[in-house]
């Protein structure tokens, strides 16, 4: 099967483990993953209606301005959970991968997928997202 889209979508290890807490069934976890893989067209978002990435909306997390961390809102109910958010990191274009890491496409990192139960992100959530970004920066971009 050929690679489609303009980006390679990669989940962090923590992000994959966090999905297990909210969705016990494998089919539900794969449905969340399938929805998150729509981010492979992230660089084409300007070609679509403002704020829409196909059938989902997204926005930058307000508590983390200028860090490139966004939330993709899934309107579907998956495994009895609703109000689902896929938190992802879009690295700046000037970041170049370290020598050993070669990908044919630019990487968009999925940090977590979780049902959001309150309007705002907690301080712990923001700290966790910031730490995941820092870990990706150090490990994969050598910065």
Protein backbone atom coordinates (compact mmCIF):
# COMPACT_ATOMS: atom_id res chain seq x y z
CA UNK A 1 0.00 0.00 0.00
CA UNK A 2 1.39 3.40 -0.96
CA UNK A 3 1.98 6.22 1.47
CA UNK A 4 -0.63 8.96 1.02
CA UNK A 5 -0.80 12.48 2.32
CA UNK A 6 1.86 15.07 2.92
CA UNK A 7 2.92 14.00 6.43
CA UNK A 8 3.91 10.87 8.30
CA UNK A 9 1.79 10.50 11.46
CA UNK A 10 3.69 8.97 14.35
CA UNK A 11 2.36 8.19 17.83
CA UNK A 12 4.53 8.61 20.88
CA UNK A 13 4.87 5.55 23.09
CA UNK A 14 3.07 7.33 25.91
CA UNK A 15 0.29 8.27 23.48
CA UNK A 16 -0.31 4.65 22.51
CA UNK A 17 -0.32 3.55 26.15
CA UNK A 18 -2.72 6.34 27.14
CA UNK A 19 -5.30 5.15 24.60
CA UNK A 20 -5.59 1.88 26.52
CA UNK A 21 -6.87 3.69 29.61
CA UNK A 22 -9.90 5.10 27.80
CA UNK A 23 -10.70 2.33 25.33
CA UNK A 24 -10.49 -1.29 26.46
CA UNK A 25 -11.51 -2.86 23.16
CA UNK A 26 -8.93 -3.16 20.42
CA UNK A 27 -11.47 -2.16 17.77
CA UNK A 28 -12.19 1.11 19.57
CA UNK A 29 -8.47 1.88 19.89
CA UNK A 30 -7.99 1.28 16.18
CA UNK A 31 -10.94 3.54 15.38
CA UNK A 32 -9.30 6.37 17.36
CA UNK A 33 -6.03 5.64 15.57
CA UNK A 34 -7.77 5.67 12.18
CA UNK A 35 -9.27 9.08 12.95
CA UNK A 36 -5.88 10.42 14.10
CA UNK A 37 -4.26 9.23 10.87
CA UNK A 38 -6.23 11.92 9.04
CA UNK A 39 -3.42 14.20 10.21
CA UNK A 40 -1.36 12.87 7.30
CA UNK A 41 -3.08 15.66 5.31
CA UNK A 42 -2.20 18.32 7.93
CA UNK A 43 -0.09 20.43 5.54
CA UNK A 44 -3.06 20.64 3.16
CA UNK A 45 -5.36 22.14 5.78
CA UNK A 46 -5.21 25.56 4.14
CA UNK A 47 -6.85 24.08 1.04
CA UNK A 48 -10.04 23.31 2.99
CA UNK A 49 -12.65 25.39 4.82
CA UNK A 50 -11.11 27.43 7.66
CA UNK A 51 -10.79 25.41 10.85
CA UNK A 52 -11.79 22.14 9.22
CA UNK A 53 -9.57 19.15 8.59
CA UNK A 54 -11.97 17.14 6.47
CA UNK A 55 -14.75 16.28 8.95
CA UNK A 56 -13.02 17.40 12.17
CA UNK A 57 -12.12 20.77 13.68
CA UNK A 58 -8.83 21.66 15.31
CA UNK A 59 -7.20 24.51 17.19
CA UNK A 60 -4.00 25.35 18.98
CA UNK A 61 -4.04 24.67 22.72
CA UNK A 62 -4.39 28.10 24.26
CA UNK A 63 -2.36 27.25 27.37
CA UNK A 64 0.66 26.42 25.16
CA UNK A 65 0.93 29.31 22.71
CA UNK A 66 3.55 29.18 19.93
CA UNK A 67 4.64 25.61 20.74
CA UNK A 68 2.91 23.92 17.80
CA UNK A 69 0.68 21.74 20.00
CA UNK A 70 -2.88 21.35 18.72
CA UNK A 71 -6.03 19.46 19.55
CA UNK A 72 -8.09 17.69 16.91
CA UNK A 73 -11.74 17.34 17.96
CA UNK A 74 -13.46 14.08 17.07
CA UNK A 75 -17.22 14.50 17.01
CA UNK A 76 -17.87 10.76 16.85
CA UNK A 77 -18.66 8.58 19.83
CA UNK A 78 -16.13 5.77 20.04
CA UNK A 79 -16.48 2.96 22.57
CA UNK A 80 -19.01 4.89 24.63
CA UNK A 81 -16.70 7.92 24.90
CA UNK A 82 -17.56 11.29 23.40
CA UNK A 83 -15.85 14.70 23.23
CA UNK A 84 -12.63 13.00 22.09
CA UNK A 85 -9.45 15.01 21.53
CA UNK A 86 -6.32 13.99 19.68
CA UNK A 87 -3.45 16.14 20.96
CA UNK A 88 -0.64 16.43 18.42
CA UNK A 89 2.59 18.30 17.83
CA UNK A 90 3.53 19.92 14.54
CA UNK A 91 7.30 20.56 14.65
CA UNK A 92 8.57 23.85 13.24
CA UNK A 93 9.78 23.64 9.63
CA UNK A 94 13.34 24.61 10.60
CA UNK A 95 13.74 21.49 12.78
CA UNK A 96 15.67 18.85 10.88
CA UNK A 97 15.66 15.20 11.99
CA UNK A 98 18.85 13.73 13.41
CA UNK A 99 21.08 11.78 11.02
CA UNK A 100 19.78 8.27 11.81
CA UNK A 101 16.10 9.23 11.39
CA UNK A 102 15.07 9.28 7.74
CA UNK A 103 11.45 9.54 6.62
CA UNK A 104 10.13 10.32 3.16
CA UNK A 105 7.61 12.77 4.64
CA UNK A 106 7.59 15.33 7.44
CA UNK A 107 6.41 13.89 10.78
CA UNK A 108 3.36 15.04 12.75
CA UNK A 109 3.51 13.60 16.28
CA UNK A 110 0.38 12.38 18.10
CA UNK A 111 0.99 12.98 21.79
CA UNK A 112 -2.28 11.61 23.19
CA UNK A 113 -5.86 10.75 22.36
CA UNK A 114 -8.33 11.08 25.20
CA UNK A 115 -11.92 12.00 26.02
CA UNK A 116 -11.99 15.52 27.39
CA UNK A 117 -14.17 15.86 30.47
CA UNK A 118 -13.81 19.57 31.23
CA UNK A 119 -13.61 22.80 29.26
CA UNK A 120 -10.01 23.69 30.07
CA UNK A 121 -6.86 21.62 30.15
CA UNK A 122 -5.47 21.06 33.63
CA UNK A 123 -2.00 22.21 34.65
CA UNK A 124 -0.90 18.56 34.68
CA UNK A 125 -2.19 18.08 31.12
CA UNK A 126 -0.29 21.13 29.88
CA UNK A 127 2.88 20.01 31.66
CA UNK A 128 2.57 16.53 30.14
CA UNK A 129 2.11 17.94 26.63
CA UNK A 130 5.06 20.32 27.05
CA UNK A 131 7.24 17.45 28.34
CA UNK A 132 6.27 15.23 25.40
CA UNK A 133 7.24 18.02 23.02
CA UNK A 134 10.59 18.44 24.78
CA UNK A 135 11.25 14.70 24.66
CA UNK A 136 10.55 14.60 20.91
CA UNK A 137 12.75 17.65 20.40
CA UNK A 138 15.72 16.11 22.23
CA UNK A 139 15.38 12.54 20.99
CA UNK A 140 14.46 13.00 17.33
CA UNK A 141 15.70 16.47 16.41
CA UNK A 142 18.85 16.74 18.52
CA UNK A 143 18.00 20.23 19.77
